[in-house]
Amino acid sequence: MRSITKQQAARFLLLRHGLLGPYRYAGKDGALAFIRSAGCIQYDPIDVCGRNAELVLQARVKGFRKKMLHELLYEDRRLIDYWDKCMAIFPVEDWPYFARRRAAETYNADAVRPALARVRETVAAKGPCCPDDIPGGGEKIRWPWGAAPIGRAALETLYFRGELIVFSKQGTRKYYDLTERYLPRELLRAEDPNKTVEDYYRFMVARRIGSVGLLWNRPSDAFLEISGLDAAARTAAIESLCAEEILVSVEVEGVRWPLYLLARDIPLLEAACGTEKFSSRCELIAPLDNLLWDRKLIEAIFGFQYRWEIYTPPAKRQYGYYVLPILYGEGFVGRIEAVCDRAENRLVVKRVWAEAGKRLPRCALQKTLVRFARFHGCSAPEEW
C-alpha cells in the first residue's frame, strides 16, 4: 500500500475535481465532461446564491452559465434528473444502470395506486404536466417529505419508476412527461448491466469513490441511497474491486484508515505526489459539492470542519443559513455568506470568515466575487 502525506492527498483531490491549476473544463461541453467524470452531481432546489448543481459547475467550468445546465438537461437531453446520490443529475447514458432503483420503487404503493392510471392518461393526452394539471389530485397522502397531494405523489411515483421524466423545471416546479418521448429506444430497451445485487453494489461503490476521489471503508454520506448496502456488503464490494484492480488503496499519513481511489486516477495521484507547482485559484464551493460528500474525510485531510447549517435552528448556527467554503490554492481558507438580491440585481456579501491561522486572499477573492456576480447576471459588491 502506497503511503502519501495529507498535503499530497489534498492536492490529488483538488486535481481530481479540476479545482487546482488551470481550468480543465470550459463551457457547456466542459460541464458535461465534468459530470461524466464525477458520475453525478447533487441537485437541491434552494437558491440563495445559486442552486447546488450550478454552484458545483461554476467552481470548475470556465465560462459556465446557468443556461448551459438547463440546455444539457431539457434541450440537448445529454443529462437527466434522477435519484443517485439523493436528488441528482447524471449523464443520460447511465440510465440502464439504475434499473434496479426504478424497479424497487414501492413507497406507499397502496395509497398512491388509485391515481396512477389517471396520471398516465393525463400526461399521455396533454404532454408535460405539473401536479396542478392532474384532475382530482388534491387529496393528501403520506409522502417522504410530509403530506402531499395524491396527484403530485402519483407523478413522482411514475418518475421514480422511470415511466416519466422531468421535462423541465420552472423555478422549483417540475413538469413531467413520458420517458419514451425523450430517451433513445436503445436506452429504454437496454438490460440492466448489473446482473446481481453484488454487481450493483460494486458499480455504485466504485461510482461514489470516483465522485469524491478518495474514500474510506467507513459509514459515509458519500454512500447514501445505495439501497441495502451495509458494512459487510460495502467491504465485499471494495475487496472485489481491489482484487480486479479497479480500485487501489493508499495510506495517508495521520489518517487511521486506508483510502481508496479509482485505478484510472493513478496518473493524477502521481502528479499530486510530484514536484510540479500548480497555480492557485480562489473558488466558492457548493454546500453539497462532491468534494464535501464526506465531511469527516475533508476534516481529516484538509483540517477544515464544515457543516451545512441550513437546517440548524438560527440560535444554534455558528456561521449562517447558506455559507460557502472558500478554497484557495491547496486548502480552505475561509467561508462566505453571499446572497443574490434579485430586487436590486446585485450580489450582497453578508459576512466573510477567515479560518484560524489563514489569511484571506483579498485580491483573489474580490476577482472571484466579480466572476460569481457575472455568473448570476448581477452587479458585484464593491467591497466586503
Protein backbone atom coordinates (compact mmCIF):
# COMPACT_ATOMS: atom_id res chain seq x y z
CA MET A 1 0.00 0.00 0.00
CA ARG A 2 1.44 3.34 -1.05
CA SER A 3 1.89 5.96 1.67
CA ILE A 4 1.24 9.64 0.94
CA THR A 5 1.06 12.81 3.01
CA LYS A 6 -2.09 14.78 3.77
CA GLN A 7 -0.83 17.55 1.50
CA GLN A 8 -0.47 15.09 -1.36
CA ALA A 9 -3.92 13.67 -0.66
CA ALA A 10 -5.40 17.17 -0.66
CA ARG A 11 -3.61 18.05 -3.89
CA PHE A 12 -4.85 14.85 -5.51
CA LEU A 13 -8.46 15.56 -4.54
CA LEU A 14 -8.30 19.09 -5.92
CA LEU A 15 -6.71 17.91 -9.16
CA ARG A 16 -9.34 15.19 -9.45
CA HIS A 17 -12.07 17.81 -9.14
CA GLY A 18 -10.46 20.30 -11.50
CA LEU A 19 -10.08 22.85 -8.69
CA LEU A 20 -6.31 23.33 -8.76
CA GLY A 21 -4.18 24.78 -11.52
CA PRO A 22 -5.58 25.97 -14.87
CA TYR A 23 -9.22 25.18 -15.61
CA ARG A 24 -9.59 21.69 -17.08
CA TYR A 25 -13.19 22.30 -18.11
CA ALA A 26 -14.75 25.09 -20.16
CA GLY A 27 -18.20 25.95 -21.48
CA LYS A 28 -21.14 23.62 -21.94
CA ASP A 29 -19.00 20.75 -23.18
CA GLY A 30 -16.83 21.17 -20.09
CA ALA A 31 -19.88 20.99 -17.80
CA LEU A 32 -20.91 17.72 -19.44
CA ALA A 33 -17.36 16.37 -19.26
CA PHE A 34 -17.08 17.06 -15.54
CA ILE A 35 -20.42 15.39 -14.75
CA ARG A 36 -19.37 12.37 -16.78
CA SER A 37 -16.13 12.24 -14.82
CA ALA A 38 -17.90 12.59 -11.48
CA GLY A 39 -20.81 10.26 -12.28
CA CYS A 40 -23.36 12.68 -10.89
CA ILE A 41 -23.78 15.99 -9.12
CA GLN A 42 -26.29 16.51 -6.37
CA TYR A 43 -29.37 18.65 -7.03
CA ASP A 44 -31.01 20.81 -4.38
CA PRO A 45 -33.77 23.35 -5.16
CA ILE A 46 -32.74 26.00 -2.63
CA ASP A 47 -31.45 29.11 -4.37
CA VAL A 48 -29.80 31.72 -2.17
CA CYS A 49 -26.78 32.40 -4.35
CA GLY A 50 -27.30 29.68 -6.96
CA ARG A 51 -28.59 26.13 -6.70
CA ASN A 52 -26.15 23.44 -5.61
CA ALA A 53 -25.65 21.83 -9.04
CA GLU A 54 -24.97 25.23 -10.60
CA LEU A 55 -22.50 26.10 -7.84
CA VAL A 56 -20.63 22.82 -8.34
CA LEU A 57 -20.14 23.65 -12.01
CA GLN A 58 -19.31 27.34 -11.66
CA ALA A 59 -16.32 26.45 -9.47
CA ARG A 60 -14.85 24.10 -12.09
CA VAL A 61 -16.02 25.15 -15.54
CA LYS A 62 -14.57 28.26 -17.13
CA GLY A 63 -17.30 30.50 -18.50
CA PHE A 64 -20.11 28.38 -17.05
CA ARG A 65 -23.59 29.91 -17.22
CA LYS A 66 -26.79 28.56 -15.68
CA LYS A 67 -28.47 28.22 -19.06
CA MET A 68 -25.84 25.65 -20.06
CA LEU A 69 -27.05 23.17 -17.46
CA HIS A 70 -30.67 23.85 -18.46
CA GLU A 71 -29.83 23.16 -22.10
CA LEU A 72 -27.95 19.94 -21.30
CA LEU A 73 -30.92 18.70 -19.27
CA TYR A 74 -34.01 19.87 -21.15
CA GLU A 75 -32.97 20.71 -24.71
CA ASP A 76 -29.99 18.54 -25.61
CA ARG A 77 -31.10 15.72 -23.25
CA ARG A 78 -27.46 14.81 -22.58
CA LEU A 79 -28.16 14.84 -18.83
CA ILE A 80 -31.09 13.61 -16.78
CA ASP A 81 -32.63 14.32 -13.37
CA TYR A 82 -32.94 11.18 -11.29
CA TRP A 83 -32.12 9.65 -7.93
CA ASP A 84 -28.46 8.73 -7.39
CA LYS A 85 -26.68 10.49 -4.52
CA CYS A 86 -30.09 11.76 -3.33
CA MET A 87 -31.64 14.02 -5.99
CA ALA A 88 -29.02 14.16 -8.69
CA ILE A 89 -28.10 14.94 -12.28
CA PHE A 90 -26.18 12.40 -14.31
CA PRO A 91 -25.39 11.53 -17.96
CA VAL A 92 -28.33 10.06 -19.83
CA GLU A 93 -26.23 7.07 -20.95
CA ASP A 94 -26.15 5.90 -17.32
CA TRP A 95 -29.92 5.27 -17.36
CA PRO A 96 -29.69 1.44 -17.67
CA TYR A 97 -27.56 1.20 -14.51
CA PHE A 98 -30.47 2.44 -12.39
CA ALA A 99 -32.97 -0.22 -13.49
CA ARG A 100 -32.73 -1.82 -10.04
CA ARG A 101 -33.56 1.50 -8.38
CA ARG A 102 -36.56 2.05 -10.66
CA ALA A 103 -37.89 -1.47 -10.10
CA ALA A 104 -37.66 -1.11 -6.32
CA GLU A 105 -39.94 1.95 -6.08
CA THR A 106 -42.86 0.84 -3.88
CA TYR A 107 -43.22 3.64 -1.31
CA ASN A 108 -46.83 3.90 -0.07
CA ALA A 109 -47.92 1.99 -3.18
CA ASP A 110 -51.45 1.25 -1.97
CA ALA A 111 -52.22 4.89 -1.18
CA VAL A 112 -50.96 6.25 -4.49
CA ARG A 113 -52.27 3.45 -6.74
CA PRO A 114 -55.77 4.96 -7.34
CA ALA A 115 -54.23 7.99 -9.07
CA LEU A 116 -51.65 6.27 -11.28
CA ALA A 117 -53.93 5.44 -14.22
CA ARG A 118 -55.39 8.95 -14.17
CA VAL A 119 -51.92 10.47 -14.25
CA ARG A 120 -50.78 8.22 -17.10
CA GLU A 121 -53.84 9.17 -19.15
CA THR A 122 -53.45 12.88 -18.44
CA VAL A 123 -49.77 13.03 -19.35
CA ALA A 124 -50.27 10.88 -22.46
CA ALA A 125 -53.01 13.23 -23.67
CA LYS A 126 -51.68 16.63 -22.59
CA GLY A 127 -47.92 16.23 -22.64
CA PRO A 128 -45.81 17.87 -19.92
CA CYS A 129 -47.75 18.16 -16.65
CA CYS A 130 -47.18 19.52 -13.18
CA PRO A 131 -49.21 18.46 -10.12
CA ASP A 132 -51.81 21.20 -10.72
CA ASP A 133 -52.65 19.63 -14.08
CA ILE A 134 -53.83 16.36 -12.54
CA PRO A 135 -57.63 16.23 -12.15
CA GLY A 136 -58.78 15.25 -8.69
CA GLY A 137 -55.22 15.26 -7.46
CA GLY A 138 -55.68 17.35 -4.34
CA GLU A 139 -56.30 14.59 -1.79
CA LYS A 140 -53.40 14.42 0.69
CA ILE A 141 -51.48 11.22 1.41
CA ARG A 142 -48.35 10.40 3.42
CA TRP A 143 -45.20 11.08 1.41
CA PRO A 144 -41.44 11.21 2.17
CA TRP A 145 -41.47 14.99 2.55
CA GLY A 146 -44.70 15.08 4.57
CA ALA A 147 -48.33 15.11 3.47
CA ALA A 148 -48.59 15.67 -0.29
CA PRO A 149 -51.42 15.88 -2.85
CA ILE A 150 -52.01 12.49 -4.41
CA GLY A 151 -51.53 13.97 -7.90
CA ARG A 152 -48.01 15.06 -7.05
CA ALA A 153 -47.30 11.73 -5.34
CA ALA A 154 -48.51 9.81 -8.40
CA LEU A 155 -46.37 11.90 -10.75
CA GLU A 156 -43.33 11.33 -8.56
CA THR A 157 -44.05 7.60 -8.26
CA LEU A 158 -44.13 7.20 -12.05
CA TYR A 159 -41.00 9.32 -12.27
CA PHE A 160 -39.19 7.13 -9.72
CA ARG A 161 -40.33 4.04 -11.64
CA GLY A 162 -38.96 5.51 -14.87
CA GLU A 163 -42.26 5.89 -16.72
CA LEU A 164 -41.99 9.68 -16.55
CA ILE A 165 -39.03 12.02 -16.95
CA VAL A 166 -38.58 15.58 -15.73
CA PHE A 167 -39.46 17.51 -18.87
CA SER A 168 -38.40 20.86 -17.41
CA LYS A 169 -38.36 22.96 -14.27
CA GLN A 170 -39.78 26.42 -13.75
CA GLY A 171 -38.15 27.55 -10.55
CA THR A 172 -38.76 24.63 -8.20
CA ARG A 173 -41.83 23.39 -10.07
CA LYS A 174 -41.26 20.22 -12.09
CA TYR A 175 -43.10 19.28 -15.26
CA TYR A 176 -43.17 15.61 -16.18
CA ASP A 177 -43.69 13.81 -19.48
CA LEU A 178 -43.47 10.26 -20.80
CA THR A 179 -39.90 8.97 -20.74
CA GLU A 180 -40.38 7.17 -24.05
CA ARG A 181 -40.79 10.53 -25.79
CA TYR A 182 -37.27 11.66 -24.91
CA LEU A 183 -34.86 8.81 -24.25
CA PRO A 184 -33.38 6.85 -27.17
CA ARG A 185 -35.00 3.49 -27.78
CA GLU A 186 -31.73 1.64 -27.21
CA LEU A 187 -31.51 3.06 -23.67
CA LEU A 188 -35.11 2.22 -22.86
CA ARG A 189 -34.65 -1.35 -24.07
CA ALA A 190 -31.20 -1.89 -22.58
CA GLU A 191 -30.84 -4.63 -19.99
CA ASP A 192 -29.56 -3.83 -16.53
CA PRO A 193 -25.74 -4.12 -16.82
CA ASN A 194 -25.67 -5.21 -13.16
CA LYS A 195 -26.87 -8.81 -13.25
CA THR A 196 -26.73 -9.36 -9.47
CA VAL A 197 -27.10 -7.21 -6.39
CA GLU A 198 -23.36 -7.72 -5.78
CA ASP A 199 -22.67 -6.28 -9.25
CA TYR A 200 -24.88 -3.32 -8.37
CA TYR A 201 -23.01 -2.67 -5.13
CA ARG A 202 -19.67 -2.87 -6.92
CA PHE A 203 -20.85 -0.41 -9.55
CA MET A 204 -22.27 2.06 -7.02
CA VAL A 205 -19.32 1.88 -4.60
CA ALA A 206 -16.85 2.50 -7.42
CA ARG A 207 -19.07 5.30 -8.74
CA ARG A 208 -19.18 7.09 -5.38
CA ILE A 209 -15.44 6.67 -4.77
CA GLY A 210 -14.85 8.18 -8.19
CA SER A 211 -17.28 11.01 -7.44
CA VAL A 212 -15.35 12.06 -4.34
CA GLY A 213 -11.89 10.99 -5.50
CA LEU A 214 -10.74 9.36 -2.26
CA LEU A 215 -12.93 7.48 0.20
CA TRP A 216 -12.52 5.11 3.11
CA ASN A 217 -14.43 1.97 4.01
CA ARG A 218 -16.50 3.64 6.68
CA PRO A 219 -20.09 4.85 7.08
CA SER A 220 -20.25 7.95 4.92
CA ASP A 221 -22.77 10.31 3.37
CA ALA A 222 -20.96 9.56 0.12
CA PHE A 223 -22.63 6.12 0.17
CA LEU A 224 -26.17 7.43 0.73
CA GLU A 225 -29.06 5.99 -1.29
CA ILE A 226 -27.41 2.70 -2.18
CA SER A 227 -30.29 0.55 -1.02
CA GLY A 228 -29.27 -2.39 1.17
CA LEU A 229 -25.58 -1.51 1.28
CA ASP A 230 -24.46 -2.35 4.81
CA ALA A 231 -20.91 -2.53 6.17
CA ALA A 232 -20.42 -6.16 5.08
CA ALA A 233 -21.67 -5.51 1.54
CA ARG A 234 -19.56 -2.36 1.26
CA THR A 235 -16.45 -4.25 2.40
CA ALA A 236 -17.12 -7.10 -0.03
CA ALA A 237 -17.57 -4.65 -2.90
CA ILE A 238 -14.34 -2.79 -2.09
CA GLU A 239 -12.35 -6.01 -1.72
CA SER A 240 -13.68 -7.30 -5.04
CA LEU A 241 -12.92 -4.01 -6.81
CA CYS A 242 -9.38 -4.02 -5.40
CA ALA A 243 -8.84 -7.63 -6.47
CA GLU A 244 -9.79 -6.67 -10.02
CA GLU A 245 -7.58 -3.57 -9.80
CA ILE A 246 -10.49 -1.23 -10.43
CA LEU A 247 -9.66 0.36 -7.07
CA VAL A 248 -6.29 0.86 -5.40
CA SER A 249 -5.64 1.77 -1.78
CA VAL A 250 -3.32 4.34 -0.24
CA GLU A 251 -2.27 5.10 3.28
CA VAL A 252 -2.42 8.77 4.22
CA GLU A 253 -0.06 9.90 6.95
CA GLY A 254 -2.04 10.64 10.11
CA VAL A 255 -5.27 9.02 8.83
CA ARG A 256 -6.21 5.83 10.63
CA TRP A 257 -7.99 4.05 7.76
CA PRO A 258 -6.79 3.26 4.23
CA LEU A 259 -8.30 5.34 1.45
CA TYR A 260 -9.37 4.10 -1.96
CA LEU A 261 -9.26 5.66 -5.41
CA LEU A 262 -10.03 4.52 -8.93
CA ALA A 263 -7.04 2.88 -10.59
CA ARG A 264 -7.58 5.11 -13.63
CA ASP A 265 -6.77 8.11 -11.40
CA ILE A 266 -3.25 6.89 -10.60
CA PRO A 267 -1.69 9.40 -13.06
CA LEU A 268 -3.33 12.23 -11.11
CA LEU A 269 -2.01 10.76 -7.88
CA GLU A 270 1.47 10.66 -9.41
CA ALA A 271 1.13 14.31 -10.38
CA ALA A 272 -0.05 15.21 -6.87
CA CYS A 273 2.99 13.48 -5.39
CA GLY A 274 5.44 15.02 -7.86
CA THR A 275 7.34 18.29 -7.83
CA GLU A 276 5.14 20.23 -10.26
CA LYS A 277 3.83 23.54 -8.93
CA PHE A 278 0.17 24.22 -9.60
CA SER A 279 -1.24 27.71 -9.93
CA SER A 280 -3.66 28.76 -7.20
CA ARG A 281 -7.31 29.53 -7.81
CA CYS A 282 -9.89 31.03 -5.49
CA GLU A 283 -13.25 29.25 -5.72
CA LEU A 284 -16.52 29.23 -3.78
CA ILE A 285 -17.57 25.64 -3.11
CA ALA A 286 -21.16 24.39 -3.02
CA PRO A 287 -22.55 23.06 0.29
CA LEU A 288 -23.34 19.66 -1.32
CA ASP A 289 -20.31 19.62 -3.58
CA ASN A 290 -18.95 16.15 -4.44
CA LEU A 291 -15.71 17.13 -2.74
CA LEU A 292 -17.61 17.62 0.54
CA TRP A 293 -19.73 14.46 0.50
CA ASP A 294 -17.68 13.03 3.36
CA ARG A 295 -17.04 15.97 5.67
CA LYS A 296 -15.15 13.88 8.21
CA LEU A 297 -12.72 12.94 5.46
CA ILE A 298 -12.33 16.60 4.47
CA GLU A 299 -11.58 17.47 8.09
CA ALA A 300 -9.04 14.64 8.31
CA ILE A 301 -7.20 15.68 5.15
CA PHE A 302 -7.65 19.46 4.97
CA GLY A 303 -8.20 20.25 8.64
CA PHE A 304 -11.40 22.05 7.59
CA GLN A 305 -14.60 21.45 9.54
CA TYR A 306 -17.75 22.28 7.61
CA ARG A 307 -21.39 21.86 8.47
CA TRP A 308 -24.25 22.98 6.27
CA GLU A 309 -26.36 24.92 8.77
CA ILE A 310 -29.45 25.42 6.66
CA TYR A 311 -31.48 23.08 8.88
CA THR A 312 -29.83 24.23 12.11
CA PRO A 313 -32.04 26.50 14.27
CA PRO A 314 -30.81 30.11 13.85
CA ALA A 315 -29.81 30.42 17.51
CA LYS A 316 -27.53 27.39 17.19
CA ARG A 317 -25.79 28.35 13.96
CA GLN A 318 -22.09 29.03 14.19
CA TYR A 319 -21.98 30.83 10.85
CA GLY A 320 -25.11 31.29 8.75
CA TYR A 321 -28.03 29.91 6.76
CA TYR A 322 -26.24 29.29 3.42
CA VAL A 323 -22.48 29.57 3.80
CA LEU A 324 -19.96 28.54 1.12
CA PRO A 325 -16.42 27.35 1.84
CA ILE A 326 -13.66 29.45 0.26
CA LEU A 327 -10.99 27.38 -1.44
CA TYR A 328 -7.66 28.98 -2.27
CA GLY A 329 -4.72 27.07 -3.67
CA GLU A 330 -4.43 23.76 -1.89
CA GLY A 331 -6.70 24.40 1.08
CA PHE A 332 -9.76 26.01 2.57
CA VAL A 333 -9.04 29.50 3.88
CA GLY A 334 -12.47 30.70 4.97
CA ARG A 335 -16.18 30.78 4.32
CA ILE A 336 -18.59 33.32 2.97
CA GLU A 337 -22.30 34.11 3.23
CA ALA A 338 -23.40 35.72 -0.02
CA VAL A 339 -26.94 36.44 -1.20
CA CYS A 340 -28.29 37.42 -4.60
CA ASP A 341 -30.52 40.45 -4.04
CA ARG A 342 -32.81 39.97 -7.02
CA ALA A 343 -34.82 43.13 -6.34
CA GLU A 344 -31.69 45.26 -6.81
CA ASN A 345 -29.91 42.76 -9.06
CA ARG A 346 -26.73 42.72 -7.03
CA LEU A 347 -24.61 40.25 -5.10
CA VAL A 348 -24.55 41.02 -1.39
CA VAL A 349 -21.78 39.71 0.83
CA LYS A 350 -23.26 39.45 4.31
CA ARG A 351 -20.14 38.17 6.03
CA VAL A 352 -16.76 36.55 5.42
CA TRP A 353 -14.90 34.41 7.95
CA ALA A 354 -11.20 33.55 7.77
CA GLU A 355 -10.12 30.15 9.04
CA ALA A 356 -7.95 30.17 12.14
CA GLY A 357 -4.33 30.69 11.12
CA LYS A 358 -5.28 31.52 7.50
CA ARG A 359 -5.18 34.81 5.64
CA LEU A 360 -7.92 35.60 3.17
CA PRO A 361 -6.56 36.38 -0.33
CA ARG A 362 -8.41 39.68 -0.68
CA CYS A 363 -7.50 40.45 -4.29
CA ALA A 364 -8.15 36.90 -5.47
CA LEU A 365 -11.42 36.72 -3.56
CA GLN A 366 -12.59 40.05 -5.00
CA LYS A 367 -11.92 38.75 -8.52
CA THR A 368 -13.83 35.60 -7.68
CA LEU A 369 -16.79 37.62 -6.43
CA VAL A 370 -16.82 39.64 -9.66
CA ARG A 371 -16.88 36.38 -11.62
CA PHE A 372 -19.51 34.95 -9.26
CA ALA A 373 -21.72 38.00 -9.78
CA ARG A 374 -21.32 37.67 -13.55
CA PHE A 375 -22.42 34.04 -13.23
CA HIS A 376 -25.61 35.35 -11.59
CA GLY A 377 -26.04 38.18 -14.10
CA CYS A 378 -25.88 40.83 -11.40
CA SER A 379 -23.51 43.52 -10.12
CA ALA A 380 -20.61 42.61 -7.86
CA PRO A 381 -20.01 44.07 -4.39
CA GLU A 382 -17.51 46.93 -4.43
CA GLU A 383 -16.05 45.77 -1.13
CA TRP A 384 -16.66 43.22 1.59
